[in-house]
Amino acid sequence: MAVSQAMRGSGVGREVLKALMAAAQARGDREVLLHAQQSAAPFYTRAGFTPRGEAFEEAGIPHIEMVRAL
């Protein structure tokens, strides 16, 4: 998921994430797992996600695995 810099802070990212989690729950998933850019980890933490494991590099950018139960 990506939100253009001009739209950050508008709530659009929160709404997209909410819709994605609702779709996952509707198909019976019990957990959402994502690879968050470390700079975006606070956004996901506010959405109820918890970091899991050590930081790693993906596409040359530091990431952290994050999870949230549904």
Protein backbone atom coordinates (compact mmCIF):
# COMPACT_ATOMS: atom_id res chain seq x y z
CA MET A 1 0.00 0.00 0.00
CA ALA A 2 1.30 3.46 -0.84
CA VAL A 3 -0.14 6.93 -0.43
CA SER A 4 1.27 9.86 -2.37
CA GLN A 5 3.04 12.38 -0.22
CA ALA A 6 0.45 15.05 -1.08
CA MET A 7 -2.35 12.84 0.34
CA ARG A 8 -0.58 11.76 3.55
CA GLY A 9 -2.39 12.92 6.65
CA SER A 10 -5.74 13.08 4.82
CA GLY A 11 -7.02 9.77 6.21
CA VAL A 12 -7.02 8.01 2.84
CA GLY A 13 -4.33 5.52 3.96
CA ARG A 14 -6.30 4.67 7.09
CA GLU A 15 -9.44 4.08 5.00
CA VAL A 16 -7.63 1.89 2.45
CA LEU A 17 -6.08 -0.17 5.26
CA LYS A 18 -9.48 -0.48 6.95
CA ALA A 19 -11.05 -1.74 3.69
CA LEU A 20 -8.22 -4.24 3.13
CA MET A 21 -8.59 -5.60 6.67
CA ALA A 22 -12.37 -5.87 6.27
CA ALA A 23 -11.88 -7.86 3.04
CA ALA A 24 -9.40 -10.18 4.78
CA GLN A 25 -11.81 -10.72 7.67
CA ALA A 26 -14.70 -11.37 5.27
CA ARG A 27 -12.78 -14.18 3.59
CA GLY A 28 -12.03 -15.74 6.96
CA ASP A 29 -8.49 -14.59 7.65
CA ARG A 30 -7.59 -14.38 11.32
CA GLU A 31 -4.47 -12.25 11.04
CA VAL A 32 -3.04 -9.55 8.78
CA LEU A 33 0.71 -9.59 8.16
CA LEU A 34 2.59 -6.89 6.28
CA HIS A 35 6.09 -5.65 5.59
CA ALA A 36 6.11 -2.01 6.69
CA GLN A 37 8.78 0.45 5.73
CA GLN A 38 10.34 1.41 9.05
CA SER A 39 9.40 5.03 8.43
CA ALA A 40 5.72 3.96 8.18
CA ALA A 41 5.77 1.68 11.25
CA PRO A 42 4.17 4.34 13.51
CA PHE A 43 1.19 4.55 11.10
CA TYR A 44 0.64 0.80 11.37
CA THR A 45 1.18 0.82 15.14
CA ARG A 46 -1.63 3.38 15.45
CA ALA A 47 -3.79 0.98 13.40
CA GLY A 48 -3.20 -1.80 15.93
CA PHE A 49 -0.29 -3.62 14.31
CA THR A 50 2.61 -5.01 16.33
CA PRO A 51 6.19 -5.41 15.06
CA ARG A 52 7.43 -8.98 14.82
CA GLY A 53 11.03 -10.01 14.37
CA GLU A 54 14.06 -8.03 13.34
CA ALA A 55 14.29 -5.26 10.79
CA PHE A 56 15.32 -6.31 7.27
CA GLU A 57 16.02 -4.73 3.92
CA GLU A 58 13.52 -5.01 1.07
CA ALA A 59 14.05 -3.18 -2.24
CA GLY A 60 16.91 -1.29 -0.59
CA ILE A 61 14.62 0.12 2.14
CA PRO A 62 14.55 -0.89 5.84
CA HIS A 63 11.36 -2.80 6.70
CA ILE A 64 9.80 -4.53 9.69
CA GLU A 65 7.23 -7.32 9.67
CA MET A 66 4.04 -6.26 11.48
CA VAL A 67 0.94 -8.26 12.41
CA ARG A 68 -2.57 -7.65 13.69
CA ALA A 69 -5.24 -10.14 14.70
CA LEU A 70 -8.65 -9.77 13.09
